[in-house]
């Protein structure tokens, strides 16, 4: 059957159009002393789209963005998609050489960078032939007229490129690879639109929301919250530098209603001298590690309602939510915390979540039998950019079509609630950041006195997990733990360096393969799961 009412392609850009119409006179962006309405915000995004023409960019070209959580980064999340340009948000915690590889792989023609990261940006430019660099300053500071970014916007004409294919690439987000370089995850306009709507609905956003940007926007495009907050006409409160003192000040003085953060950030908040019950209930979504019962109890005392989310770069950020059932309210606090630590059920746009065994069959929902989490839905990536082999390796046939294999080992409880117990991939998730163990091993192995090494995740009360190294040295070498940690920090991002180094022989199979599971068992002894 045909209809004259042709469906409109889905894109998160449409959320700004609605916010402009309905909430045009209301605050959209609060960035330091600067305040911009939705009308002003939308005008700037359209001018950024126009600036892509002045920069010689065509639809499908890529632009990389290197910035903390400032207004420019938010404008990029709308302005570049408006022009049909693919935007690539860069993790500012990575080294210049790591970032240069990503920019080169993404084939970005322009790097838009915050002035605070100018030195890193210039180093990237030197390593990527033909890359154009555009620098931005803080919003509202003196000297805006001298800022190349502001000059580009001022000279540009408003522009829109019609989005005709909702499955076209919106953005590229790079995740740590387990066997080498990071992989570029392709997001579509459709997937971003739907996942943003799910986040808005299930995290309680509305037009009175004041969303504090504690979560880095480079993490899965801020878990799609740039678009989710805009979809409901809420206010974006930008946060250049994350520190507990500033967070508590904003909560007290600026009406914060929502923010997202890894458990390690919440730990810093509850232990800060300014910690006091919020003047209104603040809704917080956390991910990267399950919140501990102690942390949940402390946040409740501070009038903060914590919801546990689970996801990956490949699933646009959150794909599972620990959806709370009212009948659990009467359970003891310890039991409530145990349930809240579960990763949960699929979001509104996650078609289905399974836990499958090695043969692809569903494990029983007994809370004991382990399998791998597999996800299917509109919030699963288009695939890995220029890497069909990796895309195929992460795929599994199943009911209804192809499923994404997450690499996380879990059990299934009743009502479809999933709980992660271990990881199949050699990835360490520390404070919400993915660290590929092989990358740390390669950095260690480059030291002339290291004969052999292995890196696995160790539990940590602050960061959830941290890299722990096991090293075999050359005979007679006088190398210390500090020497090796310093060596790694000189070669890759500092946060990836091991927090401990153990010297001695490594356990191996009969064929000489290092038994990482034995090292993990040693570090995680006495715990019922191998993730934290």
Protein backbone atom coordinates (compact mmCIF):
# COMPACT_ATOMS: atom_id res chain seq x y z
CA UNK A 1 0.00 0.00 0.00
CA UNK A 2 1.30 3.45 -0.89
CA UNK A 3 0.57 6.69 0.91
CA UNK A 4 0.85 10.33 -0.17
CA UNK A 5 2.22 11.12 3.29
CA UNK A 6 5.88 10.25 2.78
CA UNK A 7 7.75 9.67 6.04
CA UNK A 8 10.25 12.37 6.95
CA UNK A 9 13.81 11.04 7.39
CA UNK A 10 14.77 10.95 11.06
CA UNK A 11 17.62 13.19 12.20
CA UNK A 12 18.50 14.81 15.54
CA UNK A 13 18.80 18.14 13.70
CA UNK A 14 14.98 18.29 13.70
CA UNK A 15 15.00 18.63 17.50
CA UNK A 16 16.64 22.03 17.23
CA UNK A 17 14.01 23.19 14.76
CA UNK A 18 11.25 22.34 17.23
CA UNK A 19 13.10 23.86 20.18
CA UNK A 20 13.63 27.04 18.20
CA UNK A 21 9.91 27.31 17.43
CA UNK A 22 8.55 26.34 20.83
CA UNK A 23 11.31 27.54 23.17
CA UNK A 24 13.06 30.17 21.05
CA UNK A 25 13.01 32.78 23.82
CA UNK A 26 14.15 30.40 26.56
CA UNK A 27 17.74 29.60 27.58
CA UNK A 28 19.48 26.96 25.50
CA UNK A 29 23.14 27.42 26.45
CA UNK A 30 24.75 28.68 29.64
CA UNK A 31 28.52 28.84 29.26
CA UNK A 32 30.36 30.85 31.89
CA UNK A 33 29.00 34.40 31.70
CA UNK A 34 27.32 33.72 28.36
CA UNK A 35 23.60 33.01 27.95
CA UNK A 36 22.05 32.13 24.59
CA UNK A 37 18.42 31.47 23.78
CA UNK A 38 17.31 28.66 21.49
CA UNK A 39 16.77 31.22 18.73
CA UNK A 40 20.36 32.45 19.08
CA UNK A 41 21.72 28.91 19.39
CA UNK A 42 19.89 27.77 16.24
CA UNK A 43 21.17 30.79 14.27
CA UNK A 44 24.77 29.96 15.22
CA UNK A 45 24.35 26.32 14.23
CA UNK A 46 22.99 27.34 10.82
CA UNK A 47 25.95 29.67 10.35
CA UNK A 48 28.33 26.87 11.28
CA UNK A 49 26.64 24.78 8.59
CA UNK A 50 27.22 27.68 6.20
CA UNK A 51 30.86 27.91 7.25
CA UNK A 52 31.43 24.38 5.96
CA UNK A 53 30.82 25.72 2.44
CA UNK A 54 33.38 28.48 3.00
CA UNK A 55 35.83 25.80 4.16
CA UNK A 56 35.28 23.88 0.94
CA UNK A 57 33.53 20.94 2.61
CA UNK A 58 30.96 18.79 0.86
CA UNK A 59 28.29 16.49 2.34
CA UNK A 60 29.99 13.30 3.46
CA UNK A 61 33.29 15.01 4.25
CA UNK A 62 34.55 14.69 7.82
CA UNK A 63 35.50 17.28 10.44
CA UNK A 64 37.22 16.50 13.75
CA UNK A 65 36.40 18.44 16.92
CA UNK A 66 38.82 18.71 19.85
CA UNK A 67 37.21 20.48 22.79
CA UNK A 68 36.07 20.22 26.40
CA UNK A 69 32.39 20.72 27.21
CA UNK A 70 32.00 24.24 25.85
CA UNK A 71 29.35 25.83 23.64
CA UNK A 72 31.40 25.30 20.47
CA UNK A 73 31.29 21.52 20.99
CA UNK A 74 27.50 21.65 21.35
CA UNK A 75 27.17 23.76 18.20
CA UNK A 76 29.24 21.19 16.32
CA UNK A 77 26.75 18.45 17.25
CA UNK A 78 24.09 20.31 15.26
CA UNK A 79 25.89 22.57 12.77
CA UNK A 80 27.90 19.89 10.99
CA UNK A 81 24.98 17.41 10.63
CA UNK A 82 22.90 20.32 9.27
CA UNK A 83 25.39 20.54 6.41
CA UNK A 84 25.55 16.77 5.89
CA UNK A 85 29.13 16.84 7.16
CA UNK A 86 30.32 13.92 9.30
CA UNK A 87 31.71 15.08 12.62
CA UNK A 88 34.27 13.25 14.71
CA UNK A 89 34.49 14.23 18.39
CA UNK A 90 38.00 13.55 19.70
CA UNK A 91 38.89 12.28 23.15
CA UNK A 92 41.00 15.12 24.55
CA UNK A 93 42.69 12.76 27.01
CA UNK A 94 44.56 10.97 24.23
CA UNK A 95 48.07 11.91 23.11
CA UNK A 96 48.66 14.00 20.00
CA UNK A 97 50.01 11.01 18.07
CA UNK A 98 46.97 8.90 18.97
CA UNK A 99 44.65 11.70 17.92
CA UNK A 100 46.55 12.28 14.69
CA UNK A 101 46.03 8.64 13.73
CA UNK A 102 42.27 9.00 14.34
CA UNK A 103 42.02 12.25 12.37
CA UNK A 104 43.92 10.65 9.50
CA UNK A 105 41.83 7.50 9.54
CA UNK A 106 38.60 9.54 9.61
CA UNK A 107 39.94 11.48 6.59
CA UNK A 108 39.01 14.73 8.30
CA UNK A 109 39.74 17.84 6.28
CA UNK A 110 39.26 20.32 9.12
CA UNK A 111 40.14 20.22 12.81
CA UNK A 112 38.04 22.53 14.98
CA UNK A 113 39.80 22.94 18.32
CA UNK A 114 39.36 24.82 21.57
CA UNK A 115 42.10 27.34 22.38
CA UNK A 116 42.95 25.45 25.58
CA UNK A 117 44.05 22.52 23.42
CA UNK A 118 45.81 24.60 20.78
CA UNK A 119 49.24 22.99 21.29
CA UNK A 120 47.82 19.50 20.87
CA UNK A 121 45.82 20.64 17.84
CA UNK A 122 48.90 22.12 16.17
CA UNK A 123 50.80 18.89 16.77
CA UNK A 124 47.96 16.96 15.12
CA UNK A 125 48.01 19.35 12.17
CA UNK A 126 51.73 18.77 11.69
CA UNK A 127 51.17 15.00 11.54
CA UNK A 128 48.17 15.06 9.16
CA UNK A 129 49.03 16.52 5.72
CA UNK A 130 46.56 19.08 4.40
CA UNK A 131 44.58 19.40 7.63
CA UNK A 132 43.00 22.84 8.16
CA UNK A 133 43.00 24.05 11.79
CA UNK A 134 40.32 26.38 13.17
CA UNK A 135 40.67 27.59 16.77
CA UNK A 136 37.87 28.72 19.08
CA UNK A 137 37.93 30.77 22.30
CA UNK A 138 35.62 30.65 25.31
CA UNK A 139 32.20 32.08 24.62
CA UNK A 140 31.75 35.68 25.62
CA UNK A 141 35.40 36.46 26.41
CA UNK A 142 37.15 39.55 25.12
CA UNK A 143 38.83 39.16 21.79
CA UNK A 144 36.03 37.17 20.12
CA UNK A 145 36.56 39.24 16.98
CA UNK A 146 40.08 37.82 16.72
CA UNK A 147 38.88 34.23 17.04
CA UNK A 148 38.95 32.35 13.76
CA UNK A 149 35.88 30.31 14.69
CA UNK A 150 33.83 33.40 15.50
CA UNK A 151 35.07 35.11 12.35
CA UNK A 152 33.96 32.12 10.28
CA UNK A 153 30.49 32.22 11.81
CA UNK A 154 30.20 35.98 11.34
CA UNK A 155 31.09 35.74 7.64
CA UNK A 156 28.98 32.65 6.89
CA UNK A 157 25.45 32.61 5.54
CA UNK A 158 22.88 30.30 7.19
CA UNK A 159 22.78 26.98 5.40
CA UNK A 160 20.89 23.70 5.52
CA UNK A 161 21.49 20.52 3.54
CA UNK A 162 18.43 18.33 3.19
CA UNK A 163 18.85 14.97 4.92
CA UNK A 164 17.32 12.54 2.44
CA UNK A 165 18.80 9.32 3.82
CA UNK A 166 18.32 8.79 7.56
CA UNK A 167 20.80 5.91 7.39
CA UNK A 168 23.62 8.16 6.20
CA UNK A 169 26.61 8.67 8.49
CA UNK A 170 26.10 11.41 11.08
CA UNK A 171 29.27 11.00 13.13
CA UNK A 172 32.38 8.91 13.67
CA UNK A 173 33.29 7.88 17.22
CA UNK A 174 36.47 5.96 17.90
CA UNK A 175 36.65 3.18 20.44
CA UNK A 176 39.70 1.38 21.78
CA UNK A 177 40.55 -1.66 19.70
CA UNK A 178 41.61 -4.91 21.33
CA UNK A 179 44.13 -5.78 18.63
CA UNK A 180 45.63 -2.49 17.51
CA UNK A 181 44.41 0.91 16.41
CA UNK A 182 41.02 2.28 17.51
CA UNK A 183 37.98 1.48 15.39
CA UNK A 184 35.73 4.17 13.91
CA UNK A 185 32.11 3.58 14.86
CA UNK A 186 29.61 4.99 12.36
CA UNK A 187 26.43 6.58 13.75
CA UNK A 188 23.42 7.27 11.55
CA UNK A 189 20.98 10.18 11.70
CA UNK A 190 18.19 7.70 12.47
CA UNK A 191 20.02 5.97 15.30
CA UNK A 192 21.02 9.24 16.97
CA UNK A 193 17.46 10.58 16.71
CA UNK A 194 15.90 7.50 18.28
CA UNK A 195 18.47 7.00 21.03
CA UNK A 196 18.16 10.66 22.00
CA UNK A 197 14.39 10.26 22.33
CA UNK A 198 14.88 7.19 24.50
CA UNK A 199 17.26 9.08 26.79
CA UNK A 200 14.88 12.03 27.07
CA UNK A 201 11.95 9.80 27.97
CA UNK A 202 13.65 7.35 30.31
CA UNK A 203 15.92 9.82 32.11
CA UNK A 204 13.12 12.25 32.91
CA UNK A 205 14.11 15.25 30.79
CA UNK A 206 11.62 18.05 30.12
CA UNK A 207 11.59 21.73 29.16
CA UNK A 208 12.46 22.77 32.74
CA UNK A 209 15.55 20.57 32.82
CA UNK A 210 18.91 22.17 33.53
CA UNK A 211 21.46 19.64 32.30
CA UNK A 212 24.99 20.02 33.68
CA UNK A 213 27.62 18.75 31.24
CA UNK A 214 29.79 16.63 33.53
CA UNK A 215 29.96 13.79 30.99
CA UNK A 216 32.49 14.44 28.18
CA UNK A 217 30.72 15.15 24.90
CA UNK A 218 33.37 13.09 23.12
CA UNK A 219 32.05 9.95 24.84
CA UNK A 220 29.59 8.52 22.32
CA UNK A 221 28.54 12.09 21.44
CA UNK A 222 27.69 12.63 25.09
CA UNK A 223 25.47 9.52 25.14
CA UNK A 224 23.22 11.40 22.65
CA UNK A 225 22.28 13.94 25.34
CA UNK A 226 23.19 17.02 23.22
CA UNK A 227 20.20 16.03 21.11
CA UNK A 228 18.07 14.66 23.97
CA UNK A 229 18.19 17.85 26.06
CA UNK A 230 17.49 19.94 22.96
CA UNK A 231 14.58 17.70 21.97
CA UNK A 232 12.68 18.72 25.12
CA UNK A 233 13.86 22.34 25.14
CA UNK A 234 15.99 21.98 28.27
CA UNK A 235 18.99 24.15 29.11
CA UNK A 236 22.59 23.04 28.55
CA UNK A 237 24.89 24.18 31.37
CA UNK A 238 28.44 23.84 30.03
CA UNK A 239 31.34 22.73 32.22
CA UNK A 240 34.84 23.28 30.86
CA UNK A 241 36.64 21.57 33.75
CA UNK A 242 35.13 18.87 35.93
CA UNK A 243 35.75 19.36 39.63
CA UNK A 244 33.44 18.60 42.58
CA UNK A 245 33.52 22.16 43.91
CA UNK A 246 32.12 23.56 40.65
CA UNK A 247 29.52 20.81 40.34
CA UNK A 248 28.15 21.46 43.84
CA UNK A 249 28.12 25.21 43.19
CA UNK A 250 26.05 24.73 40.03
CA UNK A 251 23.70 22.35 41.85
CA UNK A 252 23.16 24.93 44.60
CA UNK A 253 23.06 28.11 42.54
CA UNK A 254 22.01 27.29 38.97
CA UNK A 255 19.08 24.94 39.33
CA UNK A 256 20.75 21.79 38.02
CA UNK A 257 18.21 18.97 37.61
CA UNK A 258 20.22 16.36 35.68
CA UNK A 259 23.76 15.25 34.94
CA UNK A 260 25.57 12.09 33.86
CA UNK A 261 28.81 10.74 35.26
CA UNK A 262 30.88 7.62 35.84
CA UNK A 263 30.85 6.23 39.41
CA UNK A 264 34.34 7.61 40.03
CA UNK A 265 32.96 11.15 39.55
CA UNK A 266 30.12 10.42 42.00
CA UNK A 267 32.65 9.14 44.54
CA UNK A 268 34.48 12.45 44.28
CA UNK A 269 31.23 14.34 44.82
CA UNK A 270 30.10 12.49 47.94
CA UNK A 271 33.52 12.86 49.54
CA UNK A 272 33.87 16.58 48.83
CA UNK A 273 33.65 19.05 51.75
CA UNK A 274 30.81 20.91 49.98
CA UNK A 275 28.67 17.77 49.72
CA UNK A 276 25.20 18.56 51.08
CA UNK A 277 21.65 17.55 50.13
CA UNK A 278 20.65 19.18 46.85
CA UNK A 279 17.84 21.78 47.10
CA UNK A 280 15.85 19.71 44.60
CA UNK A 281 16.06 16.08 43.49
CA UNK A 282 18.84 15.72 40.93
CA UNK A 283 18.58 12.84 38.49
CA UNK A 284 21.90 11.26 37.60
CA UNK A 285 22.64 8.52 35.08
CA UNK A 286 25.83 6.57 35.63
CA UNK A 287 27.67 4.01 33.55
CA UNK A 288 31.08 2.47 32.91
CA UNK A 289 30.85 0.44 36.14
CA UNK A 290 28.04 -0.59 38.50
CA UNK A 291 27.51 1.87 41.38
CA UNK A 292 28.30 0.26 44.73
CA UNK A 293 25.61 -0.09 47.43
CA UNK A 294 27.55 2.35 49.62
CA UNK A 295 27.72 4.94 46.85
CA UNK A 296 24.02 4.62 46.09
CA UNK A 297 23.13 5.12 49.75
CA UNK A 298 25.37 8.20 49.95
CA UNK A 299 23.84 9.72 46.81
CA UNK A 300 20.33 9.14 48.14
CA UNK A 301 21.21 11.05 51.31
CA UNK A 302 22.33 13.94 49.08
CA UNK A 303 18.94 13.98 47.29
CA UNK A 304 20.46 12.51 44.13
CA UNK A 305 18.54 9.77 42.31
CA UNK A 306 20.97 7.48 40.46
CA UNK A 307 20.01 5.32 37.47
CA UNK A 308 22.43 2.72 36.13
CA UNK A 309 22.91 2.60 32.36
CA UNK A 310 24.96 0.25 30.18
CA UNK A 311 26.20 0.66 26.67
CA UNK A 312 29.13 0.89 24.31
CA UNK A 313 30.36 3.24 21.64
CA UNK A 314 28.85 0.79 19.16
CA UNK A 315 25.36 1.32 20.66
CA UNK A 316 25.29 5.14 20.69
CA UNK A 317 26.10 5.03 24.38
CA UNK A 318 23.32 3.69 26.65
CA UNK A 319 21.44 0.69 25.30
CA UNK A 320 20.33 -0.86 28.61
CA UNK A 321 18.78 0.83 31.62
CA UNK A 322 18.17 -0.56 35.08
CA UNK A 323 14.46 0.24 34.83
CA UNK A 324 13.15 0.48 38.37
CA UNK A 325 10.01 -1.42 39.41
CA UNK A 326 7.91 0.15 42.17
CA UNK A 327 7.50 -3.16 43.97
CA UNK A 328 11.22 -3.02 44.75
CA UNK A 329 10.72 0.09 46.90
CA UNK A 330 9.83 -2.04 49.91
CA UNK A 331 13.00 -4.14 49.73
CA UNK A 332 15.87 -3.55 52.18
CA UNK A 333 18.34 -0.91 51.02
CA UNK A 334 21.07 -3.51 50.47
CA UNK A 335 18.79 -5.53 48.19
CA UNK A 336 17.74 -2.42 46.26
CA UNK A 337 21.39 -1.54 45.71
CA UNK A 338 22.14 -5.05 44.49
CA UNK A 339 19.35 -4.76 41.89
CA UNK A 340 20.43 -1.25 40.88
CA UNK A 341 23.89 -2.60 40.11
CA UNK A 342 22.40 -4.68 37.28
CA UNK A 343 22.90 -3.32 33.80
CA UNK A 344 19.18 -3.75 33.20
CA UNK A 345 16.85 -4.16 30.25
CA UNK A 346 16.88 -2.69 26.76
CA UNK A 347 15.94 0.97 26.36
CA UNK A 348 12.83 1.99 24.45
CA UNK A 349 14.69 1.74 21.13
CA UNK A 350 16.79 -1.35 21.84
CA UNK A 351 14.78 -3.97 19.98
CA UNK A 352 16.05 -6.81 22.10
CA UNK A 353 18.87 -7.94 24.36
CA UNK A 354 20.05 -11.53 24.62
CA UNK A 355 22.68 -13.41 26.57
CA UNK A 356 23.97 -16.18 24.30
CA UNK A 357 26.28 -19.16 24.69
CA UNK A 358 29.13 -20.11 22.38
CA UNK A 359 26.68 -21.71 19.97
CA UNK A 360 24.46 -18.63 19.76
CA UNK A 361 21.63 -20.06 21.90
CA UNK A 362 20.04 -18.07 24.72
CA UNK A 363 21.20 -18.99 28.20
CA UNK A 364 18.49 -19.65 30.81
CA UNK A 365 17.27 -16.68 32.88
CA UNK A 366 18.60 -18.19 36.10
CA UNK A 367 20.99 -15.44 37.18
CA UNK A 368 23.84 -17.98 37.09
CA UNK A 369 24.58 -19.27 33.58
CA UNK A 370 27.01 -16.96 31.79
CA UNK A 371 26.98 -15.97 28.15
CA UNK A 372 27.78 -12.99 25.94
CA UNK A 373 25.48 -9.98 25.66
CA UNK A 374 24.10 -9.53 22.14
CA UNK A 375 22.04 -6.49 21.12
CA UNK A 376 19.81 -5.67 18.18
CA UNK A 377 18.00 -2.44 17.48
CA UNK A 378 18.00 1.01 15.94
CA UNK A 379 20.73 2.08 18.36
CA UNK A 380 23.38 -0.28 17.00
CA UNK A 381 26.11 1.23 14.80
CA UNK A 382 26.14 1.12 11.02
CA UNK A 383 29.49 -0.65 11.32
CA UNK A 384 33.19 0.07 11.73
CA UNK A 385 34.55 2.65 9.27
CA UNK A 386 36.81 1.07 6.64
CA UNK A 387 36.94 -2.16 8.64
CA UNK A 388 34.45 -4.76 7.31
CA UNK A 389 36.42 -7.57 8.96
CA UNK A 390 35.94 -6.09 12.43
CA UNK A 391 32.26 -5.44 11.67
CA UNK A 392 31.79 -9.07 10.65
CA UNK A 393 33.64 -10.29 13.76
CA UNK A 394 31.25 -8.36 15.99
CA UNK A 395 28.18 -9.78 14.23
CA UNK A 396 26.12 -12.85 15.01
CA UNK A 397 23.12 -14.34 13.23
CA UNK A 398 20.02 -14.74 15.33
CA UNK A 399 16.25 -14.28 15.44
CA UNK A 400 15.19 -11.48 13.13
CA UNK A 401 18.59 -10.79 11.62
CA UNK A 402 22.08 -9.74 12.69
CA UNK A 403 23.01 -9.09 16.33
CA UNK A 404 25.93 -7.11 17.74
CA UNK A 405 28.20 -9.12 20.04
CA UNK A 406 29.35 -6.83 22.84
CA UNK A 407 32.20 -8.92 24.25
CA UNK A 408 30.74 -8.60 27.76
CA UNK A 409 29.92 -11.80 29.63
CA UNK A 410 26.73 -11.69 31.68
CA UNK A 411 23.88 -13.61 33.26
CA UNK A 412 20.18 -13.16 32.59
CA UNK A 413 17.70 -12.59 35.41
CA UNK A 414 13.93 -12.76 35.16
CA UNK A 415 12.02 -10.02 33.28
CA UNK A 416 14.99 -9.61 30.93
CA UNK A 417 17.38 -7.95 33.40
CA UNK A 418 21.04 -8.44 32.46
CA UNK A 419 23.99 -8.38 34.86
CA UNK A 420 27.57 -8.21 33.55
CA UNK A 421 29.98 -10.64 35.18
CA UNK A 422 33.13 -10.61 33.00
CA UNK A 423 34.59 -9.41 29.72
CA UNK A 424 35.48 -11.52 26.71
CA UNK A 425 37.51 -8.68 25.20
CA UNK A 426 40.80 -7.56 26.69
CA UNK A 427 39.40 -4.09 27.39
CA UNK A 428 39.76 -2.31 30.72
CA UNK A 429 37.11 0.29 31.54
CA UNK A 430 38.66 2.76 33.96
CA UNK A 431 36.61 5.74 35.10
CA UNK A 432 34.47 5.37 31.98
CA UNK A 433 37.47 5.34 29.60
CA UNK A 434 38.20 2.28 27.47
CA UNK A 435 41.80 1.05 27.61
CA UNK A 436 42.94 -1.69 25.24
CA UNK A 437 45.31 -3.98 27.12
CA UNK A 438 47.32 -4.74 23.98
CA UNK A 439 48.11 -1.04 23.54
CA UNK A 440 49.56 -0.87 27.06
CA UNK A 441 51.45 -4.12 26.45
CA UNK A 442 52.98 -2.72 23.27
CA UNK A 443 54.13 0.39 25.12
CA UNK A 444 55.68 -1.75 27.86
CA UNK A 445 57.32 -4.09 25.38
CA UNK A 446 59.06 -1.15 23.71
CA UNK A 447 61.24 -0.77 26.81
CA UNK A 448 64.63 -2.39 26.09
CA UNK A 449 64.67 -4.34 29.39
CA UNK A 450 61.19 -5.88 29.02
CA UNK A 451 61.22 -9.43 27.67
CA UNK A 452 57.55 -10.24 28.03
CA UNK A 453 54.47 -8.67 29.58
CA UNK A 454 50.73 -8.95 30.08
CA UNK A 455 48.19 -6.33 31.13
CA UNK A 456 44.81 -7.09 32.69
CA UNK A 457 42.16 -5.23 34.65
CA UNK A 458 42.50 -4.95 38.41
CA UNK A 459 39.65 -3.84 40.69
CA UNK A 460 39.88 -0.31 42.05
CA UNK A 461 37.51 1.42 44.49
CA UNK A 462 37.88 4.80 42.79
CA UNK A 463 38.17 4.06 39.07
CA UNK A 464 36.28 0.75 38.96
CA UNK A 465 39.09 -0.94 37.06
CA UNK A 466 42.72 -0.01 36.40
CA UNK A 467 45.45 -1.57 34.26
CA UNK A 468 47.77 -3.93 36.12
CA UNK A 469 50.97 -5.12 34.43
CA UNK A 470 52.89 -8.38 34.84
CA UNK A 471 56.42 -8.15 33.45
CA UNK A 472 59.40 -10.40 32.76
CA UNK A 473 62.69 -8.45 32.65
CA UNK A 474 65.94 -9.21 30.94
CA UNK A 475 68.48 -10.94 33.19
CA UNK A 476 70.37 -8.43 35.30
CA UNK A 477 68.06 -5.52 34.51
CA UNK A 478 67.57 -3.00 37.32
CA UNK A 479 64.24 -1.52 36.22
CA UNK A 480 61.68 -0.36 38.76
CA UNK A 481 57.91 -0.10 38.66
CA UNK A 482 58.22 3.69 38.44
CA UNK A 483 60.58 3.38 35.47
CA UNK A 484 58.12 1.30 33.48
CA UNK A 485 55.08 3.40 34.40
CA UNK A 486 56.97 6.52 33.32
CA UNK A 487 58.00 4.83 30.07
CA UNK A 488 54.37 4.01 29.22
CA UNK A 489 53.23 7.55 30.04
CA UNK A 490 55.81 8.89 27.60
CA UNK A 491 54.36 6.83 24.74
CA UNK A 492 50.56 6.76 25.15
CA UNK A 493 47.91 8.69 27.07
CA UNK A 494 48.90 8.92 30.74
CA UNK A 495 45.61 7.50 32.05
CA UNK A 496 46.36 4.22 30.25
CA UNK A 497 49.56 3.56 32.21
CA UNK A 498 49.48 0.59 34.61
CA UNK A 499 48.80 1.41 38.25
CA UNK A 500 50.91 -1.55 39.38
CA UNK A 501 53.71 -3.67 37.95
CA UNK A 502 54.41 -7.20 39.16
CA UNK A 503 57.72 -8.78 38.19
CA UNK A 504 58.12 -12.53 37.65
CA UNK A 505 57.32 -15.41 35.33
CA UNK A 506 53.98 -15.44 33.50
CA UNK A 507 51.58 -18.41 33.55
CA UNK A 508 51.33 -20.05 30.12
CA UNK A 509 49.58 -22.84 28.29
CA UNK A 510 51.42 -25.84 26.87
CA UNK A 511 51.70 -23.96 23.58
CA UNK A 512 53.25 -20.91 25.24
CA UNK A 513 50.20 -18.61 25.31
CA UNK A 514 49.98 -16.33 28.35
CA UNK A 515 47.07 -17.30 30.58
CA UNK A 516 45.54 -13.90 31.25
CA UNK A 517 42.61 -15.49 33.02
CA UNK A 518 44.98 -16.77 35.70
CA UNK A 519 46.34 -13.28 36.26
CA UNK A 520 42.81 -11.88 36.44
CA UNK A 521 41.75 -14.60 38.88
CA UNK A 522 44.68 -13.64 41.09
CA UNK A 523 43.60 -10.00 41.18
CA UNK A 524 39.86 -10.62 41.51
CA UNK A 525 39.95 -13.44 44.08
CA UNK A 526 36.98 -13.37 46.43
CA UNK A 527 34.68 -11.44 44.09
CA UNK A 528 31.62 -12.89 42.40
CA UNK A 529 32.25 -11.02 39.15
CA UNK A 530 35.30 -10.09 37.10
CA UNK A 531 34.26 -6.49 36.38
CA UNK A 532 34.01 -3.52 38.71
